[in-house]
């Protein structure tokens, strides 16, 4: 006669092991098992002619080994009906309650139609993957991916920020196990050095690594989100120093009377009249200048911006005032045989003057701390914006102050070059505007 019990009566009588259909669906017959106790598990010993398995019900049992060890095992049937077995570990490292918890997990997986053996293997592989996916591994993978879209300089700065400030602390930790508080402490440590700008860069880099980790399934959320609100306030941006408009005539006189190299004088004058970025000026090449057309065409590859913009962006056009065209013709008669307009002293055939050449000259002229080469951009921007004579688009088109922009043929009807005098002195600066359609 087959004995059947409701699930509630089985639980009240004890756990069922074997092949009772009513609890596990293993078959017709089932036997009632008295649940194990911790004392019984602890006192049980292997005997060659005695009981070698202590059953707890629900497929769970403690196997007594000849070596003296005691192993938790569990029999179950896969969704396809095939019998299988799992090992949960050794007693007492895995206690009775812990073994029962594992049994409960297996039961839940079976009820969901999952194969516990496969689920265990997947969990094992996931753990291995998480251990292998350290912050450094993911960060280097991210840096490699971004290399094609960044300039070498920007890629180097981001890489160095991570190598110097982040890897020593969390580089070898699984990225999925890194909490926000650890990230915050890393950034605050950089702040304590007084490197506030670097601290911000480090946090940005960490945040982007975690965004990549989230997108690739390594982590579920970005623990760096929102941490910027806990950083110290940054000091106001210090713009490059420059003189005011009334001081320009005297400065031009000093440039004319400067006794340095002719290349330095010409470079400083071209900076005053066209106010490009310093790197754009010193690396300027003769083929970029159309003196008959009075225009300087800077290739997108030499403009500031991301690598994609450098490779596919528009050129930047800078119209040249007549006095600049005359000056460049004179300069070409001196340096026209070289690749660069302003060749350096040591290797004139391969290297231009340094970034500091103009700054050193201005310092000798008496403008140390008052005017820098790059500061001419700020000077020009201030004068043109305060004059109210020029539209923002026209100012940015001539020299992109706020963003990478360039002239477009469909929006330019005419380019007017108007030398504007300062005071009564014979000085001028290039102004650019576009006429409305």
Protein backbone atom coordinates (compact mmCIF):
# COMPACT_ATOMS: atom_id res chain seq x y z
CA UNK A 1 0.00 0.00 0.00
CA UNK A 2 1.36 3.38 -0.96
CA UNK A 3 1.48 5.98 1.80
CA UNK A 4 1.02 9.58 0.73
CA UNK A 5 1.25 12.68 2.88
CA UNK A 6 0.38 16.26 2.28
CA UNK A 7 3.34 18.68 2.22
CA UNK A 8 2.26 20.15 5.59
CA UNK A 9 2.11 16.70 7.24
CA UNK A 10 5.53 15.82 5.86
CA UNK A 11 7.08 18.98 7.30
CA UNK A 12 5.53 18.25 10.69
CA UNK A 13 6.79 14.64 10.69
CA UNK A 14 10.24 15.45 9.43
CA UNK A 15 12.18 15.85 6.18
CA UNK A 16 11.69 13.26 3.45
CA UNK A 17 14.61 11.63 1.68
CA UNK A 18 14.53 9.01 -0.98
CA UNK A 19 12.06 8.92 -3.77
CA UNK A 20 8.81 10.23 -2.31
CA UNK A 21 6.83 11.83 -5.12
CA UNK A 22 4.83 14.13 -2.87
CA UNK A 23 7.83 16.21 -1.77
CA UNK A 24 10.47 15.87 -4.49
CA UNK A 25 8.67 13.95 -7.22
CA UNK A 26 11.23 11.13 -7.05
CA UNK A 27 8.83 8.18 -7.10
CA UNK A 28 6.19 6.35 -5.14
CA UNK A 29 7.94 5.29 -1.95
CA UNK A 30 9.24 7.66 0.71
CA UNK A 31 10.40 7.13 4.21
CA UNK A 32 10.22 9.48 7.16
CA UNK A 33 13.64 10.68 8.37
CA UNK A 34 14.33 12.15 11.75
CA UNK A 35 16.21 15.45 11.24
CA UNK A 36 19.84 15.47 12.30
CA UNK A 37 21.11 17.40 15.28
CA UNK A 38 24.44 19.14 15.57
CA UNK A 39 25.44 16.81 18.42
CA UNK A 40 24.76 13.74 16.32
CA UNK A 41 26.77 15.16 13.44
CA UNK A 42 29.64 16.01 15.75
CA UNK A 43 29.74 12.60 17.46
CA UNK A 44 29.27 10.48 14.34
CA UNK A 45 32.30 8.40 13.29
CA UNK A 46 33.07 6.23 10.32
CA UNK A 47 32.72 2.51 10.82
CA UNK A 48 33.54 -0.02 8.11
CA UNK A 49 30.61 -2.21 9.06
CA UNK A 50 28.34 0.55 10.33
CA UNK A 51 26.25 3.40 8.95
CA UNK A 52 28.18 5.62 6.56
CA UNK A 53 25.42 8.13 5.75
CA UNK A 54 23.38 10.22 8.18
CA UNK A 55 20.22 11.46 6.46
CA UNK A 56 18.57 14.80 7.23
CA UNK A 57 15.77 14.57 4.68
CA UNK A 58 15.05 16.29 1.40
CA UNK A 59 17.99 14.51 -0.23
CA UNK A 60 20.53 15.94 2.24
CA UNK A 61 22.90 13.61 4.10
CA UNK A 62 26.25 13.63 5.90
CA UNK A 63 28.65 11.04 4.50
CA UNK A 64 31.24 9.63 6.89
CA UNK A 65 34.57 9.01 5.14
CA UNK A 66 37.24 6.47 6.05
CA UNK A 67 39.72 9.34 6.30
CA UNK A 68 37.72 10.78 9.19
CA UNK A 69 36.24 13.65 7.22
CA UNK A 70 32.49 14.21 6.99
CA UNK A 71 30.99 15.57 3.79
CA UNK A 72 27.60 17.11 3.15
CA UNK A 73 26.01 15.76 0.01
CA UNK A 74 22.60 16.08 -1.58
CA UNK A 75 20.84 13.90 -4.12
CA UNK A 76 18.32 15.46 -6.47
CA UNK A 77 16.75 14.93 -9.83
CA UNK A 78 17.42 17.28 -12.70
CA UNK A 79 14.44 18.77 -14.54
CA UNK A 80 14.87 15.99 -17.13
CA UNK A 81 14.48 13.35 -14.38
CA UNK A 82 18.10 12.29 -14.29
CA UNK A 83 19.53 11.76 -10.79
CA UNK A 84 22.44 13.93 -9.73
CA UNK A 85 24.38 14.80 -6.59
CA UNK A 86 25.97 17.94 -5.13
CA UNK A 87 28.60 18.26 -2.42
CA UNK A 88 28.25 21.22 -0.06
CA UNK A 89 31.52 20.87 1.83
CA UNK A 90 32.94 19.29 4.98
CA UNK A 91 31.46 19.28 8.43
CA UNK A 92 32.03 21.21 10.71
CA UNK A 93 33.36 23.92 8.33
CA UNK A 94 29.87 23.78 6.80
CA UNK A 95 27.50 23.47 9.70
CA UNK A 96 24.15 21.73 9.81
CA UNK A 97 22.13 24.90 9.33
CA UNK A 98 24.36 26.05 6.48
CA UNK A 99 23.87 22.69 4.74
CA UNK A 100 20.11 23.02 5.12
CA UNK A 101 20.24 26.53 3.67
CA UNK A 102 22.05 25.16 0.64
CA UNK A 103 19.42 22.42 0.33
CA UNK A 104 16.73 25.10 0.35
CA UNK A 105 18.52 26.96 -2.47
CA UNK A 106 18.71 23.79 -4.55
CA UNK A 107 15.01 23.11 -4.00
CA UNK A 108 14.16 26.65 -5.14
CA UNK A 109 16.24 26.21 -8.30
CA UNK A 110 14.51 22.93 -9.13
CA UNK A 111 11.09 24.50 -8.64
CA UNK A 112 12.17 27.19 -11.16
CA UNK A 113 13.08 24.51 -13.68
CA UNK A 114 16.82 25.08 -13.28
CA UNK A 115 19.55 22.48 -13.01
CA UNK A 116 21.34 23.04 -9.67
CA UNK A 117 24.56 21.50 -10.97
CA UNK A 118 24.64 23.93 -13.88
CA UNK A 119 23.69 26.83 -11.61
CA UNK A 120 26.58 25.97 -9.30
CA UNK A 121 29.04 25.86 -12.20
CA UNK A 122 27.77 29.19 -13.51
CA UNK A 123 28.16 30.72 -10.05
CA UNK A 124 31.67 29.30 -9.84
CA UNK A 125 32.63 30.75 -13.21
CA UNK A 126 31.08 34.07 -12.27
CA UNK A 127 33.14 34.17 -9.08
CA UNK A 128 36.30 33.38 -11.05
CA UNK A 129 35.42 36.06 -13.57
CA UNK A 130 34.78 38.62 -10.83
CA UNK A 131 38.14 37.80 -9.24
CA UNK A 132 39.86 38.18 -12.61
CA UNK A 133 38.05 41.42 -13.43
CA UNK A 134 40.15 43.62 -11.21
CA UNK A 135 39.88 47.39 -11.45
CA UNK A 136 43.21 47.57 -13.28
CA UNK A 137 42.23 44.90 -15.82
CA UNK A 138 38.97 46.68 -16.64
CA UNK A 139 40.61 50.12 -16.64
CA UNK A 140 43.36 49.02 -19.05
CA UNK A 141 40.73 47.45 -21.29
CA UNK A 142 38.81 50.74 -21.25
CA UNK A 143 41.94 52.78 -21.98
CA UNK A 144 42.75 50.55 -24.94
CA UNK A 145 39.24 50.97 -26.30
CA UNK A 146 39.37 54.79 -25.96
CA UNK A 147 42.85 55.14 -27.46
CA UNK A 148 41.52 55.35 -31.00
CA UNK A 149 39.29 58.33 -30.17
CA UNK A 150 41.66 60.33 -27.94
CA UNK A 151 44.73 62.34 -28.65
CA UNK A 152 47.98 60.85 -27.38
CA UNK A 153 48.30 63.63 -24.81
CA UNK A 154 44.84 63.15 -23.32
CA UNK A 155 45.20 59.37 -23.27
CA UNK A 156 48.53 59.70 -21.48
CA UNK A 157 47.07 62.06 -18.86
CA UNK A 158 44.16 59.74 -18.08
CA UNK A 159 46.43 56.69 -17.97
CA UNK A 160 48.94 58.36 -15.67
CA UNK A 161 46.19 59.61 -13.36
CA UNK A 162 45.06 56.03 -12.82
CA UNK A 163 48.54 54.49 -12.57
CA UNK A 164 49.81 57.01 -10.04
CA UNK A 165 46.73 57.58 -7.89
CA UNK A 166 44.37 54.62 -8.22
CA UNK A 167 46.11 51.36 -9.09
CA UNK A 168 48.26 51.29 -5.91
CA UNK A 169 45.07 51.20 -3.79
CA UNK A 170 42.45 49.28 -5.77
CA UNK A 171 44.17 48.11 -8.94
CA UNK A 172 44.20 44.45 -7.85
CA UNK A 173 40.74 44.42 -6.25
CA UNK A 174 37.75 42.87 -8.05
CA UNK A 175 35.96 45.84 -9.54
CA UNK A 176 32.54 44.46 -8.51
CA UNK A 177 33.57 44.61 -4.84
CA UNK A 178 34.79 48.22 -4.69
CA UNK A 179 32.40 50.48 -2.72
CA UNK A 180 31.98 54.22 -3.09
CA UNK A 181 33.65 55.01 0.24
CA UNK A 182 36.92 53.48 -0.98
CA UNK A 183 36.81 55.61 -4.13
CA UNK A 184 36.09 58.74 -2.10
CA UNK A 185 39.07 58.08 0.18
CA UNK A 186 41.36 57.69 -2.83
CA UNK A 187 40.27 61.03 -4.25
CA UNK A 188 40.48 62.75 -0.86
CA UNK A 189 44.03 61.48 -0.50
CA UNK A 190 44.89 63.30 -3.73
CA UNK A 191 43.17 66.42 -2.38
CA UNK A 192 45.33 66.35 0.75
CA UNK A 193 48.37 66.84 -1.48
CA UNK A 194 46.78 70.08 -2.61
CA UNK A 195 46.27 68.68 -6.11
CA UNK A 196 42.61 69.65 -6.42
CA UNK A 197 42.55 69.58 -10.21
CA UNK A 198 44.19 66.16 -10.25
CA UNK A 199 41.65 64.91 -7.68
CA UNK A 200 38.85 65.91 -10.03
CA UNK A 201 40.59 64.21 -12.95
CA UNK A 202 41.11 61.04 -10.91
CA UNK A 203 37.43 60.89 -9.95
CA UNK A 204 36.41 61.44 -13.57
CA UNK A 205 38.69 58.62 -14.70
CA UNK A 206 37.40 56.23 -12.03
CA UNK A 207 33.82 57.11 -12.92
CA UNK A 208 34.39 56.43 -16.61
CA UNK A 209 36.00 53.07 -15.84
CA UNK A 210 32.95 52.07 -13.79
CA UNK A 211 30.60 53.25 -16.54
CA UNK A 212 32.44 50.95 -18.91
CA UNK A 213 32.30 48.14 -16.34
CA UNK A 214 28.55 48.67 -16.01
CA UNK A 215 28.04 48.60 -19.77
CA UNK A 216 30.04 45.37 -20.09
CA UNK A 217 28.22 43.62 -17.24
CA UNK A 218 31.06 43.63 -14.69
CA UNK A 219 29.15 45.74 -12.15
CA UNK A 220 25.50 46.62 -11.65
CA UNK A 221 25.98 50.26 -10.69
CA UNK A 222 28.60 52.99 -10.72
CA UNK A 223 29.75 53.66 -7.12
CA UNK A 224 31.52 56.84 -8.24
CA UNK A 225 28.24 58.56 -9.16
CA UNK A 226 27.55 61.61 -7.01
CA UNK A 227 30.91 61.59 -5.22
CA UNK A 228 31.92 64.91 -6.76
CA UNK A 229 29.62 66.71 -4.31
CA UNK A 230 31.89 65.59 -1.47
CA UNK A 231 35.07 67.05 -2.93
CA UNK A 232 36.59 70.33 -1.86
CA UNK A 233 35.53 73.45 -3.72
CA UNK A 234 37.90 74.30 -6.53
CA UNK A 235 39.45 77.77 -6.56
CA UNK A 236 38.30 80.12 -9.33
CA UNK A 237 39.86 79.40 -12.71
CA UNK A 238 43.06 81.38 -13.12
CA UNK A 239 43.12 82.75 -16.64
CA UNK A 240 46.34 83.53 -18.40
CA UNK A 241 47.39 87.06 -17.43
CA UNK A 242 47.18 89.85 -19.97
CA UNK A 243 47.42 93.61 -20.06
CA UNK A 244 44.48 95.92 -20.76
CA UNK A 245 43.73 97.55 -24.09
CA UNK A 246 45.34 100.95 -23.33
CA UNK A 247 48.64 99.17 -22.63
CA UNK A 248 48.88 97.58 -26.06
CA UNK A 249 50.64 100.50 -27.89
CA UNK A 250 53.50 100.51 -25.38
CA UNK A 251 53.77 96.74 -25.53
CA UNK A 252 54.00 96.84 -29.34
CA UNK A 253 56.81 99.39 -29.10
CA UNK A 254 58.69 97.11 -26.75
CA UNK A 255 58.21 94.17 -29.11
CA UNK A 256 59.63 96.23 -31.98
CA UNK A 257 62.65 97.23 -29.93
CA UNK A 258 63.31 93.75 -28.52
CA UNK A 259 66.90 92.64 -29.20
CA UNK A 260 66.27 88.90 -29.32
CA UNK A 261 66.07 86.60 -32.33
CA UNK A 262 64.09 87.80 -35.31
CA UNK A 263 61.94 84.65 -35.12
CA UNK A 264 60.88 85.55 -31.57
CA UNK A 265 59.85 89.06 -32.61
CA UNK A 266 57.88 87.81 -35.60
CA UNK A 267 56.22 85.07 -33.55
CA UNK A 268 55.15 87.52 -30.86
CA UNK A 269 53.72 89.94 -33.41
CA UNK A 270 51.79 87.17 -35.17
CA UNK A 271 50.43 86.10 -31.79
CA UNK A 272 49.27 89.66 -31.05
CA UNK A 273 47.46 90.00 -34.36
CA UNK A 274 45.95 86.52 -34.75
CA UNK A 275 45.83 85.18 -31.13
CA UNK A 276 45.90 81.43 -31.88
CA UNK A 277 46.83 78.86 -29.28
CA UNK A 278 50.55 78.82 -28.55
CA UNK A 279 51.00 75.29 -29.93
CA UNK A 280 49.19 76.27 -33.14
CA UNK A 281 51.56 79.18 -33.60
CA UNK A 282 54.93 77.61 -32.87
CA UNK A 283 54.20 74.49 -34.99
CA UNK A 284 52.90 76.54 -37.94
CA UNK A 285 54.27 75.43 -41.32
CA UNK A 286 54.71 77.51 -44.46
CA UNK A 287 52.25 75.51 -46.62
CA UNK A 288 49.46 76.61 -44.23
CA UNK A 289 49.82 80.26 -45.34
CA UNK A 290 48.24 81.69 -48.46
CA UNK A 291 49.86 85.10 -48.48
CA UNK A 292 48.22 86.13 -51.76
CA UNK A 293 44.84 85.22 -50.33
CA UNK A 294 45.78 86.67 -46.91
CA UNK A 295 44.61 83.65 -44.96
CA UNK A 296 46.17 81.14 -42.55
CA UNK A 297 44.64 77.64 -42.87
CA UNK A 298 45.27 75.54 -39.76
CA UNK A 299 44.62 71.82 -40.42
CA UNK A 300 42.16 70.12 -38.07
CA UNK A 301 44.94 67.71 -37.04
CA UNK A 302 46.71 70.60 -35.29
CA UNK A 303 43.66 71.96 -33.55
CA UNK A 304 42.79 71.26 -29.94
CA UNK A 305 40.17 68.51 -29.58
CA UNK A 306 39.51 64.80 -29.59
CA UNK A 307 41.29 62.55 -32.04
CA UNK A 308 38.13 62.05 -34.13
CA UNK A 309 37.78 65.83 -34.55
CA UNK A 310 41.45 66.08 -35.46
CA UNK A 311 41.06 63.41 -38.10
CA UNK A 312 37.74 64.47 -39.62
CA UNK A 313 37.07 68.03 -38.42
CA UNK A 314 37.09 71.16 -40.59
CA UNK A 315 40.14 73.32 -41.05
CA UNK A 316 40.39 76.58 -39.12
CA UNK A 317 40.70 79.80 -41.15
CA UNK A 318 42.42 82.90 -39.80
CA UNK A 319 42.31 85.92 -42.15
CA UNK A 320 45.51 87.95 -42.11
CA UNK A 321 45.72 91.73 -41.87
CA UNK A 322 47.84 93.44 -44.50
CA UNK A 323 50.63 94.24 -42.03
CA UNK A 324 50.80 90.53 -41.11
CA UNK A 325 51.06 89.53 -44.78
CA UNK A 326 53.96 91.96 -45.23
CA UNK A 327 55.64 90.67 -42.07
CA UNK A 328 55.27 87.04 -43.15
CA UNK A 329 56.79 87.81 -46.56
CA UNK A 330 59.81 89.28 -44.79
CA UNK A 331 59.99 86.25 -42.48
CA UNK A 332 59.77 83.86 -45.45
CA UNK A 333 62.77 85.52 -47.06
CA UNK A 334 64.70 84.56 -43.91
CA UNK A 335 63.23 81.17 -42.93
CA UNK A 336 61.44 80.03 -46.06
CA UNK A 337 63.88 77.12 -46.48
CA UNK A 338 62.73 75.58 -43.20
CA UNK A 339 59.58 73.54 -42.56
CA UNK A 340 58.40 75.72 -39.68
CA UNK A 341 57.89 79.48 -39.64
CA UNK A 342 59.75 79.74 -36.36
CA UNK A 343 62.58 77.16 -36.35
CA UNK A 344 64.41 76.48 -33.12
CA UNK A 345 68.08 77.32 -32.62
CA UNK A 346 69.35 73.78 -31.97
CA UNK A 347 67.51 71.77 -34.62
CA UNK A 348 65.96 74.33 -36.99
CA UNK A 349 65.23 71.72 -39.67
CA UNK A 350 63.14 69.51 -37.38
CA UNK A 351 62.02 71.51 -34.32
CA UNK A 352 60.34 74.90 -33.87
CA UNK A 353 60.87 77.32 -31.00
CA UNK A 354 59.65 76.18 -27.57
CA UNK A 355 56.35 76.98 -25.88
CA UNK A 356 58.14 79.32 -23.49
CA UNK A 357 60.00 81.39 -26.09
CA UNK A 358 57.35 84.12 -26.28
CA UNK A 359 56.77 84.12 -22.53
CA UNK A 360 60.48 84.56 -21.83
CA UNK A 361 60.66 87.40 -24.31
CA UNK A 362 57.67 89.15 -22.73
CA UNK A 363 59.30 88.77 -19.32
CA UNK A 364 62.48 90.41 -20.60
CA UNK A 365 60.35 93.22 -21.99
CA UNK A 366 59.01 93.84 -18.49
CA UNK A 367 55.71 91.95 -18.69
CA UNK A 368 56.52 89.06 -16.37
CA UNK A 369 53.31 88.07 -14.58
CA UNK A 370 51.33 90.60 -16.65
CA UNK A 371 51.23 89.07 -20.12
CA UNK A 372 51.79 85.62 -21.60
CA UNK A 373 51.64 84.38 -25.15
CA UNK A 374 48.44 82.47 -24.52
CA UNK A 375 47.10 85.51 -22.67
CA UNK A 376 46.70 87.33 -25.98
CA UNK A 377 43.66 85.11 -26.60
CA UNK A 378 42.05 86.33 -23.40
CA UNK A 379 43.00 89.92 -24.25
CA UNK A 380 41.44 89.68 -27.70
CA UNK A 381 38.32 87.98 -26.37
CA UNK A 382 37.83 90.64 -23.68
CA UNK A 383 38.25 93.55 -26.08
CA UNK A 384 36.03 92.12 -28.80
CA UNK A 385 33.25 91.04 -26.46
CA UNK A 386 33.23 94.30 -24.50
CA UNK A 387 33.22 96.39 -27.66
CA UNK A 388 29.76 95.14 -28.63
CA UNK A 389 30.77 95.39 -32.29
CA UNK A 390 31.00 91.71 -33.04
CA UNK A 391 28.72 88.73 -32.73
CA UNK A 392 29.74 85.71 -30.66
CA UNK A 393 29.73 83.53 -33.77
CA UNK A 394 32.17 85.85 -35.50
CA UNK A 395 34.52 85.94 -32.50
CA UNK A 396 34.49 82.20 -32.09
CA UNK A 397 34.89 81.67 -35.82
CA UNK A 398 38.12 83.63 -35.82
CA UNK A 399 39.56 82.00 -32.70
CA UNK A 400 37.51 79.27 -30.92
CA UNK A 401 37.55 80.39 -27.29
CA UNK A 402 34.68 78.32 -25.88
CA UNK A 403 34.50 75.38 -28.25
CA UNK A 404 35.95 73.90 -31.41
CA UNK A 405 34.31 75.86 -34.18
CA UNK A 406 35.24 76.91 -37.69
CA UNK A 407 33.93 79.03 -40.51
CA UNK A 408 31.35 77.36 -42.76
CA UNK A 409 30.91 78.48 -46.34
CA UNK A 410 27.13 78.41 -46.06
CA UNK A 411 27.08 80.94 -43.22
CA UNK A 412 29.77 83.34 -44.40
CA UNK A 413 28.74 86.01 -46.89
CA UNK A 414 31.77 88.20 -46.51
CA UNK A 415 34.82 88.48 -44.32
CA UNK A 416 35.81 91.98 -43.37
CA UNK A 417 39.26 92.61 -41.94
CA UNK A 418 39.40 95.87 -40.08
CA UNK A 419 42.56 97.03 -38.32
CA UNK A 420 41.38 98.91 -35.25
CA UNK A 421 43.64 101.57 -33.75
CA UNK A 422 44.29 101.79 -30.03
CA UNK A 423 44.65 105.32 -28.67
CA UNK A 424 46.62 107.47 -31.14
CA UNK A 425 49.45 105.01 -31.47
CA UNK A 426 50.27 103.18 -34.69
CA UNK A 427 49.11 99.82 -33.39
CA UNK A 428 46.38 97.59 -34.63
CA UNK A 429 44.77 94.26 -34.04
CA UNK A 430 42.86 92.00 -36.41
CA UNK A 431 39.08 92.00 -36.14
CA UNK A 432 36.76 89.62 -37.92
CA UNK A 433 33.03 89.85 -38.57
CA UNK A 434 30.51 88.23 -40.84
CA UNK A 435 27.90 90.18 -42.73
CA UNK A 436 24.28 89.12 -42.45
CA UNK A 437 22.71 87.60 -45.56
